[in-house]
Amino acid sequence: MQHDTSRTSPVCFLCEKRPVLKSTSVTMPPQNFAEKLPTEMSVKIFSELDAGSLCSASRTCKLWHHIIEDSEQLWRSQCLLVRAVCQREVDSDRRDGLSWKVTLVRNYTRSCVKRDWLRGRYSHVRSADELRGRTMTPLDAETWGEILQAELDR
């Protein structure tokens, strides 16, 4: 059998032109996962976020806002993280009947400041200039007692 050089091999023919893939469906805008999933699944996804990211996500769209705002489970899990530092304050707010979200909002900044104090972040501050840009919040006498004890223990 003789090889005919005038004919193009089928393999080369396929490689010469790239196939154009055309979508058979109409182009749709990206879909919001929360529109497709049950609310419980969306809450599970949102539960992977930290408090700051959760607040940002709630400003993304109305649907996300409603899911996040209405989920006590999300706010509870974030609040329990704050409770690790501010147990007395969180427990007091919960006894007073405040929601998990309100309790978190009231105690989040306090927990950050208290945690930094307890870790010694402010142990060697020589002037107020070193505190510029830092968020401070009022702390109760018992919290100051904890902080002073931590300083004495260092």
N, C-alpha and C. Protein backbone atom coordinates (compact mmCIF):
# COMPACT_ATOMS: atom_id res chain seq x y z
N MET A 1 0.86 -1.16 0.00
CA MET A 1 0.00 0.00 0.00
C MET A 1 0.90 1.22 0.00
N GLN A 2 0.63 2.09 -0.91
CA GLN A 2 1.45 3.28 -1.05
C GLN A 2 0.86 4.42 -0.26
N HIS A 3 1.75 5.25 0.26
CA HIS A 3 1.32 6.39 1.05
C HIS A 3 1.12 7.58 0.13
N ASP A 4 -0.03 8.15 0.13
CA ASP A 4 -0.34 9.31 -0.71
C ASP A 4 -0.03 10.58 0.07
N THR A 5 1.04 11.30 -0.31
CA THR A 5 1.46 12.50 0.39
C THR A 5 0.58 13.70 0.08
N SER A 6 -0.24 13.60 -0.91
CA SER A 6 -1.10 14.74 -1.25
C SER A 6 -2.30 14.85 -0.32
N ARG A 7 -2.58 13.80 0.35
CA ARG A 7 -3.71 13.82 1.29
C ARG A 7 -3.23 14.20 2.68
N THR A 8 -4.00 14.93 3.36
CA THR A 8 -3.69 15.31 4.73
C THR A 8 -4.18 14.22 5.65
N SER A 9 -3.36 13.87 6.57
CA SER A 9 -3.75 12.84 7.51
C SER A 9 -4.89 13.37 8.38
N PRO A 10 -5.82 12.51 8.79
CA PRO A 10 -6.93 12.95 9.62
C PRO A 10 -6.47 13.55 10.94
N VAL A 11 -5.39 13.05 11.52
CA VAL A 11 -4.90 13.57 12.79
C VAL A 11 -4.43 15.01 12.61
N CYS A 12 -3.67 15.27 11.56
CA CYS A 12 -3.20 16.63 11.30
C CYS A 12 -4.35 17.56 11.00
N PHE A 13 -5.33 17.03 10.30
CA PHE A 13 -6.48 17.86 9.96
C PHE A 13 -7.20 18.33 11.22
N LEU A 14 -7.37 17.47 12.19
CA LEU A 14 -8.03 17.83 13.43
C LEU A 14 -7.21 18.82 14.25
N CYS A 15 -5.89 18.71 14.13
CA CYS A 15 -5.03 19.58 14.92
C CYS A 15 -4.85 20.96 14.30
N GLU A 16 -5.08 21.08 13.01
CA GLU A 16 -4.87 22.36 12.36
C GLU A 16 -5.85 23.41 12.84
N LYS A 17 -7.05 23.04 13.05
CA LYS A 17 -8.07 23.98 13.53
C LYS A 17 -8.51 23.55 14.91
N ARG A 18 -8.58 24.52 15.76
CA ARG A 18 -9.06 24.22 17.11
C ARG A 18 -10.58 24.22 17.09
N PRO A 19 -11.16 23.25 17.70
CA PRO A 19 -12.62 23.23 17.72
C PRO A 19 -13.15 24.38 18.58
N VAL A 20 -14.22 24.94 18.13
CA VAL A 20 -14.85 26.03 18.86
C VAL A 20 -15.98 25.41 19.67
N LEU A 21 -15.89 25.59 20.98
CA LEU A 21 -16.94 25.07 21.84
C LEU A 21 -17.99 26.14 22.04
N LYS A 22 -19.18 25.83 21.69
CA LYS A 22 -20.27 26.78 21.86
C LYS A 22 -21.19 26.28 22.94
N SER A 23 -21.57 27.17 23.81
CA SER A 23 -22.47 26.81 24.88
C SER A 23 -23.87 26.66 24.31
N THR A 24 -24.53 25.64 24.71
CA THR A 24 -25.89 25.43 24.22
C THR A 24 -26.91 26.16 25.07
N SER A 25 -26.46 26.66 26.24
CA SER A 25 -27.39 27.37 27.10
C SER A 25 -27.16 28.87 27.01
N VAL A 26 -28.15 29.61 27.42
CA VAL A 26 -28.05 31.05 27.45
C VAL A 26 -27.14 31.44 28.60
N THR A 27 -26.28 32.44 28.39
CA THR A 27 -25.37 32.87 29.44
C THR A 27 -26.17 33.45 30.59
N MET A 28 -25.92 32.89 31.77
CA MET A 28 -26.63 33.31 32.97
C MET A 28 -25.64 34.00 33.90
N PRO A 29 -26.09 34.98 34.64
CA PRO A 29 -25.20 35.59 35.63
C PRO A 29 -24.87 34.57 36.71
N PRO A 30 -23.74 34.76 37.40
CA PRO A 30 -23.40 33.83 38.48
C PRO A 30 -24.54 33.76 39.50
N GLN A 31 -24.74 32.58 40.02
CA GLN A 31 -25.85 32.39 40.95
C GLN A 31 -25.36 32.44 42.39
N ASN A 32 -26.20 32.92 43.24
CA ASN A 32 -25.94 33.04 44.66
C ASN A 32 -26.20 31.68 45.30
N PHE A 33 -25.19 31.11 45.96
CA PHE A 33 -25.37 29.78 46.55
C PHE A 33 -26.53 29.75 47.53
N ALA A 34 -26.77 30.86 48.21
CA ALA A 34 -27.83 30.90 49.22
C ALA A 34 -29.22 30.81 48.59
N GLU A 35 -29.32 31.12 47.30
CA GLU A 35 -30.60 30.98 46.61
C GLU A 35 -30.90 29.53 46.30
N LYS A 36 -29.86 28.72 46.16
CA LYS A 36 -30.02 27.32 45.76
C LYS A 36 -30.06 26.36 46.95
N LEU A 37 -29.33 26.69 48.01
CA LEU A 37 -29.21 25.78 49.14
C LEU A 37 -30.29 26.03 50.19
N PRO A 38 -30.59 25.00 50.97
CA PRO A 38 -31.48 25.23 52.11
C PRO A 38 -30.79 26.21 53.08
N THR A 39 -31.58 26.95 53.80
CA THR A 39 -31.05 27.94 54.73
C THR A 39 -30.06 27.32 55.71
N GLU A 40 -30.35 26.11 56.16
CA GLU A 40 -29.47 25.45 57.13
C GLU A 40 -28.07 25.25 56.56
N MET A 41 -27.98 24.96 55.26
CA MET A 41 -26.67 24.77 54.62
C MET A 41 -25.95 26.11 54.49
N SER A 42 -26.68 27.16 54.16
CA SER A 42 -26.07 28.49 54.07
C SER A 42 -25.53 28.92 55.44
N VAL A 43 -26.29 28.63 56.48
CA VAL A 43 -25.84 28.95 57.84
C VAL A 43 -24.56 28.17 58.15
N LYS A 44 -24.50 26.92 57.74
CA LYS A 44 -23.30 26.10 57.97
C LYS A 44 -22.10 26.74 57.27
N ILE A 45 -22.28 27.21 56.06
CA ILE A 45 -21.19 27.87 55.32
C ILE A 45 -20.78 29.15 56.04
N PHE A 46 -21.75 29.96 56.42
CA PHE A 46 -21.44 31.21 57.11
C PHE A 46 -20.78 30.97 58.47
N SER A 47 -21.04 29.83 59.06
CA SER A 47 -20.46 29.56 60.38
C SER A 47 -18.94 29.38 60.32
N GLU A 48 -18.39 29.25 59.14
CA GLU A 48 -16.93 29.13 58.99
C GLU A 48 -16.24 30.50 59.04
N LEU A 49 -17.02 31.59 59.03
CA LEU A 49 -16.45 32.93 59.03
C LEU A 49 -16.20 33.43 60.45
N ASP A 50 -15.22 34.34 60.58
CA ASP A 50 -15.02 35.00 61.86
C ASP A 50 -16.03 36.14 61.98
N ALA A 51 -16.07 36.79 63.12
CA ALA A 51 -17.08 37.82 63.37
C ALA A 51 -17.01 38.97 62.36
N GLY A 52 -15.80 39.45 62.06
CA GLY A 52 -15.66 40.55 61.11
C GLY A 52 -16.12 40.17 59.71
N SER A 53 -15.75 38.98 59.28
CA SER A 53 -16.15 38.49 57.96
C SER A 53 -17.65 38.25 57.91
N LEU A 54 -18.21 37.81 59.00
CA LEU A 54 -19.65 37.58 59.07
C LEU A 54 -20.41 38.90 58.90
N CYS A 55 -19.92 39.93 59.55
CA CYS A 55 -20.54 41.26 59.41
C CYS A 55 -20.41 41.76 57.98
N SER A 56 -19.26 41.56 57.37
CA SER A 56 -19.06 41.96 55.97
C SER A 56 -20.00 41.18 55.04
N ALA A 57 -20.10 39.88 55.28
CA ALA A 57 -20.97 39.05 54.45
C ALA A 57 -22.42 39.49 54.56
N SER A 58 -22.82 39.95 55.73
CA SER A 58 -24.22 40.36 55.91
C SER A 58 -24.54 41.62 55.10
N ARG A 59 -23.51 42.31 54.64
CA ARG A 59 -23.73 43.50 53.81
C ARG A 59 -23.63 43.21 52.31
N THR A 60 -23.46 41.94 51.96
CA THR A 60 -23.29 41.55 50.57
C THR A 60 -24.58 41.68 49.77
N CYS A 61 -25.64 41.12 50.29
CA CYS A 61 -26.93 41.20 49.61
C CYS A 61 -28.03 41.00 50.65
N LYS A 62 -29.25 41.30 50.25
CA LYS A 62 -30.37 41.20 51.20
C LYS A 62 -30.57 39.77 51.71
N LEU A 63 -30.43 38.80 50.83
CA LEU A 63 -30.63 37.42 51.24
C LEU A 63 -29.61 37.01 52.29
N TRP A 64 -28.33 37.30 52.05
CA TRP A 64 -27.30 36.96 53.02
C TRP A 64 -27.55 37.69 54.33
N HIS A 65 -27.95 38.96 54.22
CA HIS A 65 -28.23 39.75 55.41
C HIS A 65 -29.31 39.08 56.26
N HIS A 66 -30.39 38.66 55.62
CA HIS A 66 -31.50 38.04 56.37
C HIS A 66 -31.07 36.70 56.98
N ILE A 67 -30.32 35.90 56.23
CA ILE A 67 -29.88 34.61 56.76
C ILE A 67 -28.99 34.83 57.98
N ILE A 68 -28.04 35.74 57.86
CA ILE A 68 -27.09 35.98 58.95
C ILE A 68 -27.77 36.64 60.14
N GLU A 69 -28.56 37.66 59.90
CA GLU A 69 -29.22 38.37 60.99
C GLU A 69 -30.19 37.48 61.76
N ASP A 70 -30.85 36.57 61.06
CA ASP A 70 -31.87 35.74 61.70
C ASP A 70 -31.33 34.47 62.34
N SER A 71 -30.03 34.23 62.22
CA SER A 71 -29.46 32.98 62.74
C SER A 71 -28.84 33.18 64.11
N GLU A 72 -29.54 32.79 65.13
CA GLU A 72 -29.00 32.83 66.49
C GLU A 72 -27.79 31.90 66.59
N GLN A 73 -27.80 30.81 65.83
CA GLN A 73 -26.71 29.85 65.85
C GLN A 73 -25.38 30.50 65.46
N LEU A 74 -25.40 31.34 64.41
CA LEU A 74 -24.16 32.02 63.98
C LEU A 74 -23.64 32.95 65.07
N TRP A 75 -24.54 33.75 65.63
CA TRP A 75 -24.12 34.72 66.64
C TRP A 75 -23.71 34.03 67.93
N ARG A 76 -24.37 32.93 68.24
CA ARG A 76 -24.03 32.17 69.45
C ARG A 76 -22.60 31.65 69.35
N SER A 77 -22.25 31.04 68.23
CA SER A 77 -20.90 30.46 68.10
C SER A 77 -19.83 31.55 68.18
N GLN A 78 -20.09 32.72 67.59
CA GLN A 78 -19.13 33.83 67.68
C GLN A 78 -19.05 34.35 69.11
N CYS A 79 -20.18 34.42 69.76
CA CYS A 79 -20.24 34.94 71.12
C CYS A 79 -19.51 34.01 72.09
N LEU A 80 -19.57 32.73 71.86
CA LEU A 80 -18.87 31.78 72.72
C LEU A 80 -17.35 31.95 72.62
N LEU A 81 -16.88 32.39 71.46
CA LEU A 81 -15.45 32.69 71.32
C LEU A 81 -15.07 33.90 72.17
N VAL A 82 -15.94 34.90 72.16
CA VAL A 82 -15.71 36.10 72.99
C VAL A 82 -15.81 35.73 74.46
N ARG A 83 -16.70 34.81 74.79
CA ARG A 83 -16.90 34.39 76.17
C ARG A 83 -15.64 33.78 76.77
N ALA A 84 -14.81 33.20 75.93
CA ALA A 84 -13.56 32.62 76.42
C ALA A 84 -12.70 33.66 77.12
N VAL A 85 -12.84 34.93 76.73
CA VAL A 85 -12.07 36.02 77.33
C VAL A 85 -12.92 36.81 78.31
N CYS A 86 -14.19 36.99 77.98
CA CYS A 86 -15.09 37.83 78.80
C CYS A 86 -16.26 37.02 79.32
N GLN A 87 -15.99 35.97 80.05
CA GLN A 87 -17.04 35.08 80.53
C GLN A 87 -18.05 35.80 81.41
N ARG A 88 -17.58 36.55 82.37
CA ARG A 88 -18.46 37.23 83.30
C ARG A 88 -19.39 38.20 82.56
N GLU A 89 -18.84 38.97 81.62
CA GLU A 89 -19.64 39.96 80.90
C GLU A 89 -20.68 39.30 80.00
N VAL A 90 -20.27 38.26 79.27
CA VAL A 90 -21.20 37.56 78.38
C VAL A 90 -22.30 36.90 79.19
N ASP A 91 -21.93 36.21 80.26
CA ASP A 91 -22.94 35.54 81.08
C ASP A 91 -23.93 36.54 81.68
N SER A 92 -23.42 37.70 82.08
CA SER A 92 -24.29 38.74 82.63
C SER A 92 -25.29 39.24 81.58
N ASP A 93 -24.80 39.49 80.38
CA ASP A 93 -25.69 39.96 79.30
C ASP A 93 -26.74 38.91 78.95
N ARG A 94 -26.33 37.65 78.94
CA ARG A 94 -27.29 36.59 78.63
C ARG A 94 -28.33 36.45 79.74
N ARG A 95 -27.92 36.60 81.00
CA ARG A 95 -28.88 36.56 82.12
C ARG A 95 -29.87 37.70 82.02
N ASP A 96 -29.39 38.85 81.48
CA ASP A 96 -30.28 40.01 81.32
C ASP A 96 -31.21 39.86 80.13
N GLY A 97 -31.11 38.75 79.40
CA GLY A 97 -32.04 38.47 78.31
C GLY A 97 -31.62 39.03 76.96
N LEU A 98 -30.38 39.48 76.84
CA LEU A 98 -29.92 40.01 75.56
C LEU A 98 -29.69 38.88 74.56
N SER A 99 -29.92 39.16 73.29
CA SER A 99 -29.72 38.15 72.26
C SER A 99 -28.23 37.86 72.10
N TRP A 100 -27.92 36.76 71.42
CA TRP A 100 -26.51 36.42 71.18
C TRP A 100 -25.82 37.52 70.38
N LYS A 101 -26.54 38.06 69.40
CA LYS A 101 -25.92 39.10 68.56
C LYS A 101 -25.62 40.36 69.38
N VAL A 102 -26.58 40.82 70.15
CA VAL A 102 -26.38 42.02 70.97
C VAL A 102 -25.25 41.78 71.97
N THR A 103 -25.22 40.58 72.56
CA THR A 103 -24.17 40.24 73.51
C THR A 103 -22.81 40.27 72.82
N LEU A 104 -22.73 39.75 71.61
CA LEU A 104 -21.48 39.78 70.86
C LEU A 104 -21.05 41.21 70.57
N VAL A 105 -21.97 42.01 70.08
CA VAL A 105 -21.65 43.41 69.74
C VAL A 105 -21.16 44.16 70.98
N ARG A 106 -21.81 43.94 72.10
CA ARG A 106 -21.43 44.64 73.34
C ARG A 106 -20.06 44.21 73.85
N ASN A 107 -19.67 42.97 73.58
CA ASN A 107 -18.47 42.43 74.21
C ASN A 107 -17.30 42.15 73.27
N TYR A 108 -17.49 42.28 71.98
CA TYR A 108 -16.41 41.94 71.03
C TYR A 108 -15.17 42.82 71.23
N THR A 109 -15.34 44.13 71.19
CA THR A 109 -14.21 45.04 71.35
C THR A 109 -13.60 44.88 72.74
N ARG A 110 -14.45 44.73 73.74
CA ARG A 110 -13.97 44.53 75.11
C ARG A 110 -13.09 43.28 75.17
N SER A 111 -13.50 42.21 74.51
CA SER A 111 -12.72 40.97 74.57
C SER A 111 -11.37 41.14 73.87
N CYS A 112 -11.34 41.89 72.78
CA CYS A 112 -10.07 42.13 72.07
C CYS A 112 -9.11 42.92 72.95
N VAL A 113 -9.62 43.98 73.58
CA VAL A 113 -8.78 44.82 74.45
C VAL A 113 -8.32 44.01 75.65
N LYS A 114 -9.23 43.29 76.27
CA LYS A 114 -8.88 42.51 77.46
C LYS A 114 -7.85 41.43 77.11
N ARG A 115 -8.05 40.75 76.01
CA ARG A 115 -7.11 39.71 75.58
C ARG A 115 -5.71 40.31 75.39
N ASP A 116 -5.64 41.47 74.72
CA ASP A 116 -4.34 42.12 74.51
C ASP A 116 -3.69 42.51 75.83
N TRP A 117 -4.47 43.05 76.76
CA TRP A 117 -3.92 43.39 78.08
C TRP A 117 -3.40 42.15 78.78
N LEU A 118 -4.20 41.08 78.78
CA LEU A 118 -3.80 39.86 79.49
C LEU A 118 -2.57 39.20 78.87
N ARG A 119 -2.39 39.38 77.57
CA ARG A 119 -1.21 38.82 76.89
C ARG A 119 0.03 39.69 77.07
N GLY A 120 -0.14 40.85 77.68
CA GLY A 120 1.00 41.71 77.94
C GLY A 120 1.32 42.70 76.83
N ARG A 121 0.39 42.89 75.91
CA ARG A 121 0.64 43.80 74.80
C ARG A 121 0.90 45.24 75.27
N TYR A 122 0.31 45.61 76.37
CA TYR A 122 0.44 46.98 76.86
C TYR A 122 1.35 47.06 78.09
N SER A 123 2.09 46.01 78.37
CA SER A 123 2.93 45.97 79.56
C SER A 123 4.05 47.01 79.54
N HIS A 124 4.55 47.35 78.40
CA HIS A 124 5.72 48.23 78.32
C HIS A 124 5.42 49.52 77.56
N VAL A 125 4.21 50.02 77.67
CA VAL A 125 3.83 51.28 77.03
C VAL A 125 4.43 52.42 77.84
N ARG A 126 5.19 53.28 77.15
CA ARG A 126 5.85 54.38 77.84
C ARG A 126 5.09 55.69 77.71
N SER A 127 4.25 55.81 76.67
CA SER A 127 3.49 57.05 76.52
C SER A 127 2.19 56.76 75.77
N ALA A 128 1.30 57.73 75.84
CA ALA A 128 0.00 57.60 75.16
C ALA A 128 0.17 57.53 73.64
N ASP A 129 1.27 58.08 73.13
CA ASP A 129 1.52 58.03 71.68
C ASP A 129 1.60 56.59 71.17
N GLU A 130 2.08 55.69 71.99
CA GLU A 130 2.19 54.29 71.58
C GLU A 130 0.82 53.62 71.45
N LEU A 131 -0.21 54.26 71.97
CA LEU A 131 -1.57 53.70 71.91
C LEU A 131 -2.41 54.30 70.79
N ARG A 132 -1.85 55.24 70.05
CA ARG A 132 -2.61 55.85 68.95
C ARG A 132 -3.04 54.77 67.96
N GLY A 133 -4.26 54.89 67.52
CA GLY A 133 -4.79 53.94 66.56
C GLY A 133 -5.34 52.66 67.19
N ARG A 134 -5.15 52.49 68.46
CA ARG A 134 -5.68 51.31 69.16
C ARG A 134 -7.08 51.62 69.66
N THR A 135 -7.95 50.65 69.56
CA THR A 135 -9.30 50.80 70.07
C THR A 135 -9.29 50.44 71.55
N MET A 136 -9.83 51.32 72.34
CA MET A 136 -9.95 51.05 73.77
C MET A 136 -11.43 51.10 74.14
N THR A 137 -11.76 50.50 75.23
CA THR A 137 -13.14 50.45 75.69
C THR A 137 -13.14 50.44 77.21
N PRO A 138 -14.20 50.94 77.81
CA PRO A 138 -14.26 50.90 79.28
C PRO A 138 -14.27 49.46 79.78
N LEU A 139 -13.55 49.22 80.86
CA LEU A 139 -13.52 47.90 81.48
C LEU A 139 -13.96 48.05 82.93
N ASP A 140 -14.65 47.04 83.44
CA ASP A 140 -15.12 47.11 84.84
C ASP A 140 -13.98 46.83 85.81
N ALA A 141 -14.25 47.06 87.08
CA ALA A 141 -13.23 46.92 88.12
C ALA A 141 -12.69 45.49 88.21
N GLU A 142 -13.57 44.49 88.03
CA GLU A 142 -13.11 43.11 88.10
C GLU A 142 -12.16 42.78 86.96
N THR A 143 -12.43 43.31 85.78
CA THR A 143 -11.54 43.09 84.64
C THR A 143 -10.19 43.74 84.90
N TRP A 144 -10.20 44.96 85.44
CA TRP A 144 -8.94 45.62 85.76
C TRP A 144 -8.17 44.82 86.81
N GLY A 145 -8.88 44.21 87.73
CA GLY A 145 -8.23 43.35 88.71
C GLY A 145 -7.53 42.17 88.06
N GLU A 146 -8.19 41.55 87.06
CA GLU A 146 -7.59 40.44 86.32
C GLU A 146 -6.33 40.91 85.58
N ILE A 147 -6.43 42.08 84.96
CA ILE A 147 -5.30 42.62 84.20
C ILE A 147 -4.14 42.93 85.13
N LEU A 148 -4.43 43.59 86.26
CA LEU A 148 -3.36 43.91 87.20
C LEU A 148 -2.71 42.66 87.77
N GLN A 149 -3.50 41.64 88.03
CA GLN A 149 -2.94 40.39 88.53
C GLN A 149 -2.02 39.76 87.47
N ALA A 150 -2.45 39.81 86.21
CA ALA A 150 -1.61 39.26 85.13
C ALA A 150 -0.30 40.03 85.03
N GLU A 151 -0.36 41.36 85.20
CA GLU A 151 0.86 42.18 85.17
C GLU A 151 1.78 41.82 86.34
N LEU A 152 1.22 41.62 87.51
CA LEU A 152 2.04 41.24 88.67
C LEU A 152 2.68 39.86 88.48
N ASP A 153 1.96 38.96 87.80
CA ASP A 153 2.47 37.61 87.58
C ASP A 153 3.59 37.58 86.54
N ARG A 154 3.69 38.59 85.70
CA ARG A 154 4.73 38.61 84.65
C ARG A 154 6.07 38.85 85.21
